[in-house]
Amino acid sequence: MLTSSFTGWSNYMMDFGQMLQDAEAMKRFGNTMVLWDLHSRKPKKVFDVPGAPLEIRCAWGSNNNYCFTTTALTSKLWLIYEDKR
């Protein structure tokens, strides 16, 4: 399972225009994605993804091992894939 740390509840529920003007709120965005081991319920790897990663879209199919995400505060598209490590 792959999760992202977009933002906390207080930012999520705040008016977007107000949030952009609030310097403290802008500091509360996340910058990580976590690959979890579902059996042990512990993180396998934490990825640094600056700019508040949003929704994660994974490739369909049993042979595919990659996902994409975009970030809210940048214009970047990120590829996350499983390798031998």
PDB file of N, CA and C in Angstrom:
ATOM      1  N   MET A   1       0.849  -1.166   0.000  1.00  0.00           N
ATOM      2  CA  MET A   1       0.000   0.000   0.000  1.00  0.00           C
ATOM      3  C   MET A   1       0.898   1.233   0.000  1.00  0.00           C
ATOM      4  N   LEU A   2       0.473   2.240  -0.742  1.00  0.00           N
ATOM      5  CA  LEU A   2       1.208   3.496  -0.850  1.00  0.00           C
ATOM      6  C   LEU A   2       0.294   4.624  -0.393  1.00  0.00           C
ATOM      7  N   THR A   3       0.772   5.465   0.532  1.00  0.00           N
ATOM      8  CA  THR A   3      -0.026   6.586   1.031  1.00  0.00           C
ATOM      9  C   THR A   3       0.735   7.890   0.843  1.00  0.00           C
ATOM     10  N   SER A   4      -0.010   8.994   0.824  1.00  0.00           N
ATOM     11  CA  SER A   4       0.620  10.313   0.706  1.00  0.00           C
ATOM     12  C   SER A   4       0.240  11.177   1.899  1.00  0.00           C
ATOM     13  N   SER A   5       1.057  12.181   2.160  1.00  0.00           N
ATOM     14  CA  SER A   5       0.825  13.081   3.296  1.00  0.00           C
ATOM     15  C   SER A   5       0.461  14.472   2.790  1.00  0.00           C
ATOM     16  N   PHE A   6      -0.647  14.586   2.068  1.00  0.00           N
ATOM     17  CA  PHE A   6      -1.038  15.857   1.459  1.00  0.00           C
ATOM     18  C   PHE A   6      -1.104  16.977   2.496  1.00  0.00           C
ATOM     19  N   THR A   7      -1.998  16.887   3.434  1.00  0.00           N
ATOM     20  CA  THR A   7      -2.127  17.911   4.476  1.00  0.00           C
ATOM     21  C   THR A   7      -2.996  17.379   5.601  1.00  0.00           C
ATOM     22  N   GLY A   8      -2.993  18.093   6.703  1.00  0.00           N
ATOM     23  CA  GLY A   8      -3.802  17.699   7.851  1.00  0.00           C
ATOM     24  C   GLY A   8      -5.237  18.193   7.753  1.00  0.00           C
ATOM     25  N   TRP A   9      -6.041  17.792   8.727  1.00  0.00           N
ATOM     26  CA  TRP A   9      -7.470  18.099   8.739  1.00  0.00           C
ATOM     27  C   TRP A   9      -7.740  19.601   8.747  1.00  0.00           C
ATOM     28  N   SER A  10      -6.993  20.368   9.535  1.00  0.00           N
ATOM     29  CA  SER A  10      -7.270  21.808   9.637  1.00  0.00           C
ATOM     30  C   SER A  10      -7.080  22.507   8.291  1.00  0.00           C
ATOM     31  N   ASN A  11      -6.058  22.155   7.548  1.00  0.00           N
ATOM     32  CA  ASN A  11      -5.874  22.732   6.211  1.00  0.00           C
ATOM     33  C   ASN A  11      -6.944  22.233   5.251  1.00  0.00           C
ATOM     34  N   TYR A  12      -7.267  20.975   5.340  1.00  0.00           N
ATOM     35  CA  TYR A  12      -8.232  20.370   4.425  1.00  0.00           C
ATOM     36  C   TYR A  12      -9.599  21.045   4.534  1.00  0.00           C
ATOM     37  N   MET A  13      -9.985  21.421   5.742  1.00  0.00           N
ATOM     38  CA  MET A  13     -11.299  22.014   5.970  1.00  0.00           C
ATOM     39  C   MET A  13     -11.305  23.538   5.800  1.00  0.00           C
ATOM     40  N   MET A  14     -10.147  24.157   5.652  1.00  0.00           N
ATOM     41  CA  MET A  14     -10.059  25.614   5.539  1.00  0.00           C
ATOM     42  C   MET A  14     -10.410  26.080   4.122  1.00  0.00           C
ATOM     43  N   ASP A  15     -10.997  27.270   4.023  1.00  0.00           N
ATOM     44  CA  ASP A  15     -11.243  27.888   2.727  1.00  0.00           C
ATOM     45  C   ASP A  15      -9.909  28.027   1.993  1.00  0.00           C
ATOM     46  N   PHE A  16      -9.868  27.620   0.729  1.00  0.00           N
ATOM     47  CA  PHE A  16      -8.603  27.582  -0.017  1.00  0.00           C
ATOM     48  C   PHE A  16      -7.954  28.960  -0.127  1.00  0.00           C
ATOM     49  N   GLY A  17      -8.723  29.974  -0.443  1.00  0.00           N
ATOM     50  CA  GLY A  17      -8.177  31.328  -0.548  1.00  0.00           C
ATOM     51  C   GLY A  17      -7.601  31.817   0.764  1.00  0.00           C
ATOM     52  N   GLN A  18      -8.294  31.528   1.855  1.00  0.00           N
ATOM     53  CA  GLN A  18      -7.818  31.907   3.189  1.00  0.00           C
ATOM     54  C   GLN A  18      -6.535  31.149   3.528  1.00  0.00           C
ATOM     55  N   MET A  19      -6.501  29.876   3.170  1.00  0.00           N
ATOM     56  CA  MET A  19      -5.329  29.060   3.465  1.00  0.00           C
ATOM     57  C   MET A  19      -4.089  29.595   2.753  1.00  0.00           C
ATOM     58  N   LEU A  20      -4.242  30.025   1.512  1.00  0.00           N
ATOM     59  CA  LEU A  20      -3.097  30.549   0.760  1.00  0.00           C
ATOM     60  C   LEU A  20      -2.530  31.818   1.383  1.00  0.00           C
ATOM     61  N   GLN A  21      -3.355  32.555   2.110  1.00  0.00           N
ATOM     62  CA  GLN A  21      -2.911  33.786   2.766  1.00  0.00           C
ATOM     63  C   GLN A  21      -2.349  33.536   4.167  1.00  0.00           C
ATOM     64  N   ASP A  22      -2.524  32.348   4.693  1.00  0.00           N
ATOM     65  CA  ASP A  22      -2.109  32.004   6.056  1.00  0.00           C
ATOM     66  C   ASP A  22      -0.730  31.338   6.026  1.00  0.00           C
ATOM     67  N   ALA A  23       0.290  32.069   6.473  1.00  0.00           N
ATOM     68  CA  ALA A  23       1.672  31.560   6.426  1.00  0.00           C
ATOM     69  C   ALA A  23       1.838  30.279   7.245  1.00  0.00           C
ATOM     70  N   GLU A  24       1.187  30.188   8.392  1.00  0.00           N
ATOM     71  CA  GLU A  24       1.301  28.988   9.228  1.00  0.00           C
ATOM     72  C   GLU A  24       0.634  27.786   8.559  1.00  0.00           C
ATOM     73  N   ALA A  25      -0.484  28.006   7.920  1.00  0.00           N
ATOM     74  CA  ALA A  25      -1.173  26.909   7.225  1.00  0.00           C
ATOM     75  C   ALA A  25      -0.323  26.382   6.080  1.00  0.00           C
ATOM     76  N   MET A  26       0.380  27.254   5.399  1.00  0.00           N
ATOM     77  CA  MET A  26       1.219  26.828   4.275  1.00  0.00           C
ATOM     78  C   MET A  26       2.392  25.960   4.732  1.00  0.00           C
ATOM     79  N   LYS A  27       2.751  26.034   6.005  1.00  0.00           N
ATOM     80  CA  LYS A  27       3.828  25.201   6.557  1.00  0.00           C
ATOM     81  C   LYS A  27       3.333  23.802   6.925  1.00  0.00           C
ATOM     82  N   ARG A  28       2.027  23.597   6.922  1.00  0.00           N
ATOM     83  CA  ARG A  28       1.453  22.328   7.383  1.00  0.00           C
ATOM     84  C   ARG A  28       1.141  21.349   6.256  1.00  0.00           C
ATOM     85  N   PHE A  29       1.715  21.550   5.103  1.00  0.00           N
ATOM     86  CA  PHE A  29       1.534  20.587   4.018  1.00  0.00           C
ATOM     87  C   PHE A  29       2.566  19.476   4.152  1.00  0.00           C
ATOM     88  N   GLY A  30       2.207  18.292   3.715  1.00  0.00           N
ATOM     89  CA  GLY A  30       3.107  17.150   3.789  1.00  0.00           C
ATOM     90  C   GLY A  30       4.093  17.122   2.638  1.00  0.00           C
ATOM     91  N   ASN A  31       5.093  16.285   2.771  1.00  0.00           N
ATOM     92  CA  ASN A  31       6.104  16.146   1.718  1.00  0.00           C
ATOM     93  C   ASN A  31       6.635  14.719   1.624  1.00  0.00           C
ATOM     94  N   THR A  32       5.795  13.753   1.984  1.00  0.00           N
ATOM     95  CA  THR A  32       6.246  12.362   1.931  1.00  0.00           C
ATOM     96  C   THR A  32       5.172  11.449   1.345  1.00  0.00           C
ATOM     97  N   MET A  33       5.653  10.311   0.859  1.00  0.00           N
ATOM     98  CA  MET A  33       4.801   9.181   0.506  1.00  0.00           C
ATOM     99  C   MET A  33       5.414   7.972   1.202  1.00  0.00           C
ATOM    100  N   VAL A  34       4.571   7.060   1.656  1.00  0.00           N
ATOM    101  CA  VAL A  34       5.051   5.906   2.419  1.00  0.00           C
ATOM    102  C   VAL A  34       4.589   4.620   1.744  1.00  0.00           C
ATOM    103  N   LEU A  35       5.530   3.706   1.536  1.00  0.00           N
ATOM    104  CA  LEU A  35       5.237   2.356   1.065  1.00  0.00           C
ATOM    105  C   LEU A  35       5.147   1.467   2.303  1.00  0.00           C
ATOM    106  N   TRP A  36       3.992   0.832   2.499  1.00  0.00           N
ATOM    107  CA  TRP A  36       3.728   0.051   3.707  1.00  0.00           C
ATOM    108  C   TRP A  36       3.827  -1.447   3.449  1.00  0.00           C
ATOM    109  N   ASP A  37       4.292  -2.164   4.462  1.00  0.00           N
ATOM    110  CA  ASP A  37       4.212  -3.622   4.495  1.00  0.00           C
ATOM    111  C   ASP A  37       2.902  -3.954   5.205  1.00  0.00           C
ATOM    112  N   LEU A  38       1.940  -4.473   4.481  1.00  0.00           N
ATOM    113  CA  LEU A  38       0.619  -4.709   5.067  1.00  0.00           C
ATOM    114  C   LEU A  38       0.614  -5.805   6.129  1.00  0.00           C
ATOM    115  N   HIS A  39       1.518  -6.749   6.028  1.00  0.00           N
ATOM    116  CA  HIS A  39       1.545  -7.839   7.009  1.00  0.00           C
ATOM    117  C   HIS A  39       2.076  -7.369   8.358  1.00  0.00           C
ATOM    118  N   SER A  40       3.160  -6.601   8.346  1.00  0.00           N
ATOM    119  CA  SER A  40       3.735  -6.117   9.603  1.00  0.00           C
ATOM    120  C   SER A  40       3.141  -4.781  10.035  1.00  0.00           C
ATOM    121  N   ARG A  41       2.433  -4.121   9.113  1.00  0.00           N
ATOM    122  CA  ARG A  41       1.848  -2.794   9.354  1.00  0.00           C
ATOM    123  C   ARG A  41       2.909  -1.769   9.731  1.00  0.00           C
ATOM    124  N   LYS A  42       4.042  -1.883   9.059  1.00  0.00           N
ATOM    125  CA  LYS A  42       5.152  -0.948   9.266  1.00  0.00           C
ATOM    126  C   LYS A  42       5.590  -0.400   7.918  1.00  0.00           C
ATOM    127  N   PRO A  43       6.140   0.811   7.918  1.00  0.00           N
ATOM    128  CA  PRO A  43       6.616   1.373   6.645  1.00  0.00           C
ATOM    129  C   PRO A  43       7.833   0.626   6.123  1.00  0.00           C
ATOM    130  N   LYS A  44       7.824   0.332   4.827  1.00  0.00           N
ATOM    131  CA  LYS A  44       8.986  -0.275   4.176  1.00  0.00           C
ATOM    132  C   LYS A  44       9.946   0.805   3.696  1.00  0.00           C
ATOM    133  N   LYS A  45       9.384   1.897   3.178  1.00  0.00           N
ATOM    134  CA  LYS A  45      10.210   2.986   2.667  1.00  0.00           C
ATOM    135  C   LYS A  45       9.403   4.277   2.701  1.00  0.00           C
ATOM    136  N   VAL A  46      10.084   5.378   3.038  1.00  0.00           N
ATOM    137  CA  VAL A  46       9.475   6.707   3.030  1.00  0.00           C
ATOM    138  C   VAL A  46      10.151   7.509   1.927  1.00  0.00           C
ATOM    139  N   PHE A  47       9.346   8.032   1.007  1.00  0.00           N
ATOM    140  CA  PHE A  47       9.852   8.821  -0.118  1.00  0.00           C
ATOM    141  C   PHE A  47       9.674  10.302   0.170  1.00  0.00           C
ATOM    142  N   ASP A  48      10.678  11.103  -0.140  1.00  0.00           N
ATOM    143  CA  ASP A  48      10.590  12.554  -0.026  1.00  0.00           C
ATOM    144  C   ASP A  48       9.983  13.092  -1.319  1.00  0.00           C
ATOM    145  N   VAL A  49       8.781  13.649  -1.228  1.00  0.00           N
ATOM    146  CA  VAL A  49       8.060  14.185  -2.389  1.00  0.00           C
ATOM    147  C   VAL A  49       7.614  15.604  -2.034  1.00  0.00           C
ATOM    148  N   PRO A  50       8.486  16.597  -2.234  1.00  0.00           N
ATOM    149  CA  PRO A  50       8.154  17.968  -1.837  1.00  0.00           C
ATOM    150  C   PRO A  50       6.983  18.544  -2.623  1.00  0.00           C
ATOM    151  N   GLY A  51       6.200  19.391  -1.953  1.00  0.00           N
ATOM    152  CA  GLY A  51       5.121  20.090  -2.636  1.00  0.00           C
ATOM    153  C   GLY A  51       3.734  19.554  -2.376  1.00  0.00           C
ATOM    154  N   ALA A  52       3.548  18.754  -1.355  1.00  0.00           N
ATOM    155  CA  ALA A  52       2.236  18.221  -0.966  1.00  0.00           C
ATOM    156  C   ALA A  52       1.679  17.235  -1.994  1.00  0.00           C
ATOM    157  N   PRO A  53       2.135  15.968  -1.951  1.00  0.00           N
ATOM    158  CA  PRO A  53       1.632  14.963  -2.887  1.00  0.00           C
ATOM    159  C   PRO A  53       0.126  14.752  -2.734  1.00  0.00           C
ATOM    160  N   LEU A  54      -0.527  14.657  -3.873  1.00  0.00           N
ATOM    161  CA  LEU A  54      -1.988  14.508  -3.907  1.00  0.00           C
ATOM    162  C   LEU A  54      -2.383  13.052  -4.098  1.00  0.00           C
ATOM    163  N   GLU A  55      -3.399  12.842  -4.896  1.00  0.00           N
ATOM    164  CA  GLU A  55      -3.929  11.510  -5.170  1.00  0.00           C
ATOM    165  C   GLU A  55      -2.881  10.628  -5.854  1.00  0.00           C
ATOM    166  N   ILE A  56      -2.883   9.362  -5.508  1.00  0.00           N
ATOM    167  CA  ILE A  56      -1.953   8.391  -6.078  1.00  0.00           C
ATOM    168  C   ILE A  56      -2.710   7.540  -7.093  1.00  0.00           C
ATOM    169  N   ARG A  57      -2.148   7.400  -8.279  1.00  0.00           N
ATOM    170  CA  ARG A  57      -2.747   6.567  -9.334  1.00  0.00           C
ATOM    171  C   ARG A  57      -1.778   5.452  -9.687  1.00  0.00           C
ATOM    172  N   CYS A  58      -2.172   4.228  -9.441  1.00  0.00           N
ATOM    173  CA  CYS A  58      -1.311   3.071  -9.716  1.00  0.00           C
ATOM    174  C   CYS A  58      -1.730   2.388 -11.013  1.00  0.00           C
ATOM    175  N   ALA A  59      -0.744   1.810 -11.678  1.00  0.00           N
ATOM    176  CA  ALA A  59      -0.999   1.076 -12.924  1.00  0.00           C
ATOM    177  C   ALA A  59      -1.763  -0.199 -12.608  1.00  0.00           C
ATOM    178  N   TRP A  60      -2.705  -0.527 -13.464  1.00  0.00           N
ATOM    179  CA  TRP A  60      -3.479  -1.745 -13.293  1.00  0.00           C
ATOM    180  C   TRP A  60      -2.700  -2.937 -13.826  1.00  0.00           C
ATOM    181  N   GLY A  61      -3.013  -4.094 -13.317  1.00  0.00           N
ATOM    182  CA  GLY A  61      -2.398  -5.324 -13.805  1.00  0.00           C
ATOM    183  C   GLY A  61      -1.470  -5.928 -12.778  1.00  0.00           C
ATOM    184  N   SER A  62      -1.443  -7.230 -12.735  1.00  0.00           N
ATOM    185  CA  SER A  62      -0.644  -7.932 -11.726  1.00  0.00           C
ATOM    186  C   SER A  62       0.856  -7.804 -11.961  1.00  0.00           C
ATOM    187  N   ASN A  63       1.282  -7.468 -13.163  1.00  0.00           N
ATOM    188  CA  ASN A  63       2.712  -7.340 -13.460  1.00  0.00           C
ATOM    189  C   ASN A  63       3.231  -5.916 -13.308  1.00  0.00           C
ATOM    190  N   ASN A  64       2.362  -4.958 -13.025  1.00  0.00           N
ATOM    191  CA  ASN A  64       2.783  -3.562 -12.899  1.00  0.00           C
ATOM    192  C   ASN A  64       3.111  -3.232 -11.451  1.00  0.00           C
ATOM    193  N   ASN A  65       4.183  -2.488 -11.251  1.00  0.00           N
ATOM    194  CA  ASN A  65       4.613  -2.141  -9.896  1.00  0.00           C
ATOM    195  C   ASN A  65       4.988  -0.661  -9.795  1.00  0.00           C
ATOM    196  N   TYR A  66       4.165   0.199 -10.373  1.00  0.00           N
ATOM    197  CA  TYR A  66       4.465   1.629 -10.315  1.00  0.00           C
ATOM    198  C   TYR A  66       3.191   2.455 -10.159  1.00  0.00           C
ATOM    199  N   CYS A  67       3.376   3.658  -9.617  1.00  0.00           N
ATOM    200  CA  CYS A  67       2.283   4.603  -9.404  1.00  0.00           C
ATOM    201  C   CYS A  67       2.765   6.003  -9.757  1.00  0.00           C
ATOM    202  N   PHE A  68       1.806   6.895  -9.977  1.00  0.00           N
ATOM    203  CA  PHE A  68       2.096   8.301 -10.230  1.00  0.00           C
ATOM    204  C   PHE A  68       1.368   9.161  -9.209  1.00  0.00           C
ATOM    205  N   THR A  69       1.933  10.319  -8.922  1.00  0.00           N
ATOM    206  CA  THR A  69       1.241  11.340  -8.148  1.00  0.00           C
ATOM    207  C   THR A  69       1.676  12.707  -8.662  1.00  0.00           C
ATOM    208  N   THR A  70       0.859  13.699  -8.405  1.00  0.00           N
ATOM    209  CA  THR A  70       1.231  15.089  -8.664  1.00  0.00           C
ATOM    210  C   THR A  70       1.274  15.797  -7.323  1.00  0.00           C
ATOM    211  N   THR A  71       1.832  16.997  -7.310  1.00  0.00           N
ATOM    212  CA  THR A  71       1.905  17.756  -6.071  1.00  0.00           C
ATOM    213  C   THR A  71       1.094  19.040  -6.191  1.00  0.00           C
ATOM    214  N   ALA A  72       0.494  19.442  -5.077  1.00  0.00           N
ATOM    215  CA  ALA A  72      -0.386  20.610  -5.066  1.00  0.00           C
ATOM    216  C   ALA A  72       0.382  21.922  -5.179  1.00  0.00           C
ATOM    217  N   LEU A  73       1.582  21.978  -4.642  1.00  0.00           N
ATOM    218  CA  LEU A  73       2.310  23.244  -4.578  1.00  0.00           C
ATOM    219  C   LEU A  73       3.399  23.375  -5.633  1.00  0.00           C
ATOM    220  N   THR A  74       3.539  22.389  -6.490  1.00  0.00           N
ATOM    221  CA  THR A  74       4.487  22.460  -7.608  1.00  0.00           C
ATOM    222  C   THR A  74       3.769  21.939  -8.853  1.00  0.00           C
ATOM    223  N   SER A  75       4.432  21.966  -9.957  1.00  0.00           N
ATOM    224  CA  SER A  75       3.830  21.437 -11.192  1.00  0.00           C
ATOM    225  C   SER A  75       4.525  20.150 -11.620  1.00  0.00           C
ATOM    226  N   LYS A  76       4.933  19.351 -10.642  1.00  0.00           N
ATOM    227  CA  LYS A  76       5.684  18.132 -10.940  1.00  0.00           C
ATOM    228  C   LYS A  76       4.795  16.896 -10.909  1.00  0.00           C
ATOM    229  N   LEU A  77       5.154  15.944 -11.740  1.00  0.00           N
ATOM    230  CA  LEU A  77       4.545  14.620 -11.775  1.00  0.00           C
ATOM    231  C   LEU A  77       5.610  13.649 -11.280  1.00  0.00           C
ATOM    232  N   TRP A  78       5.269  12.822 -10.298  1.00  0.00           N
ATOM    233  CA  TRP A  78       6.226  11.900  -9.698  1.00  0.00           C
ATOM    234  C   TRP A  78       5.885  10.465 -10.062  1.00  0.00           C
ATOM    235  N   LEU A  79       6.919   9.689 -10.371  1.00  0.00           N
ATOM    236  CA  LEU A  79       6.803   8.254 -10.618  1.00  0.00           C
ATOM    237  C   LEU A  79       7.394   7.534  -9.417  1.00  0.00           C
ATOM    238  N   ILE A  80       6.621   6.648  -8.820  1.00  0.00           N
ATOM    239  CA  ILE A  80       7.087   5.819  -7.706  1.00  0.00           C
ATOM    240  C   ILE A  80       7.004   4.373  -8.190  1.00  0.00           C
ATOM    241  N   TYR A  81       8.107   3.647  -8.104  1.00  0.00           N
ATOM    242  CA  TYR A  81       8.092   2.259  -8.571  1.00  0.00           C
ATOM    243  C   TYR A  81       8.868   1.375  -7.609  1.00  0.00           C
ATOM    244  N   GLU A  82       8.539   0.099  -7.633  1.00  0.00           N
ATOM    245  CA  GLU A  82       9.206  -0.875  -6.775  1.00  0.00           C
ATOM    246  C   GLU A  82      10.402  -1.447  -7.517  1.00  0.00           C
ATOM    247  N   ASP A  83      11.550  -1.419  -6.851  1.00  0.00           N
ATOM    248  CA  ASP A  83      12.748  -2.011  -7.439  1.00  0.00           C
ATOM    249  C   ASP A  83      13.213  -3.173  -6.563  1.00  0.00           C
ATOM    250  N   LYS A  84      14.399  -3.665  -6.815  1.00  0.00           N
ATOM    251  CA  LYS A  84      14.915  -4.835  -6.084  1.00  0.00           C
ATOM    252  C   LYS A  84      15.239  -4.524  -4.627  1.00  0.00           C
ATOM    253  N   ARG A  85      15.457  -3.250  -4.301  1.00  0.00           N
ATOM    254  CA  ARG A  85      15.811  -2.883  -2.929  1.00  0.00           C
ATOM    255  C   ARG A  85      14.561  -2.802  -2.133  1.00  0.00           C
TER     256      ARG A  85
END
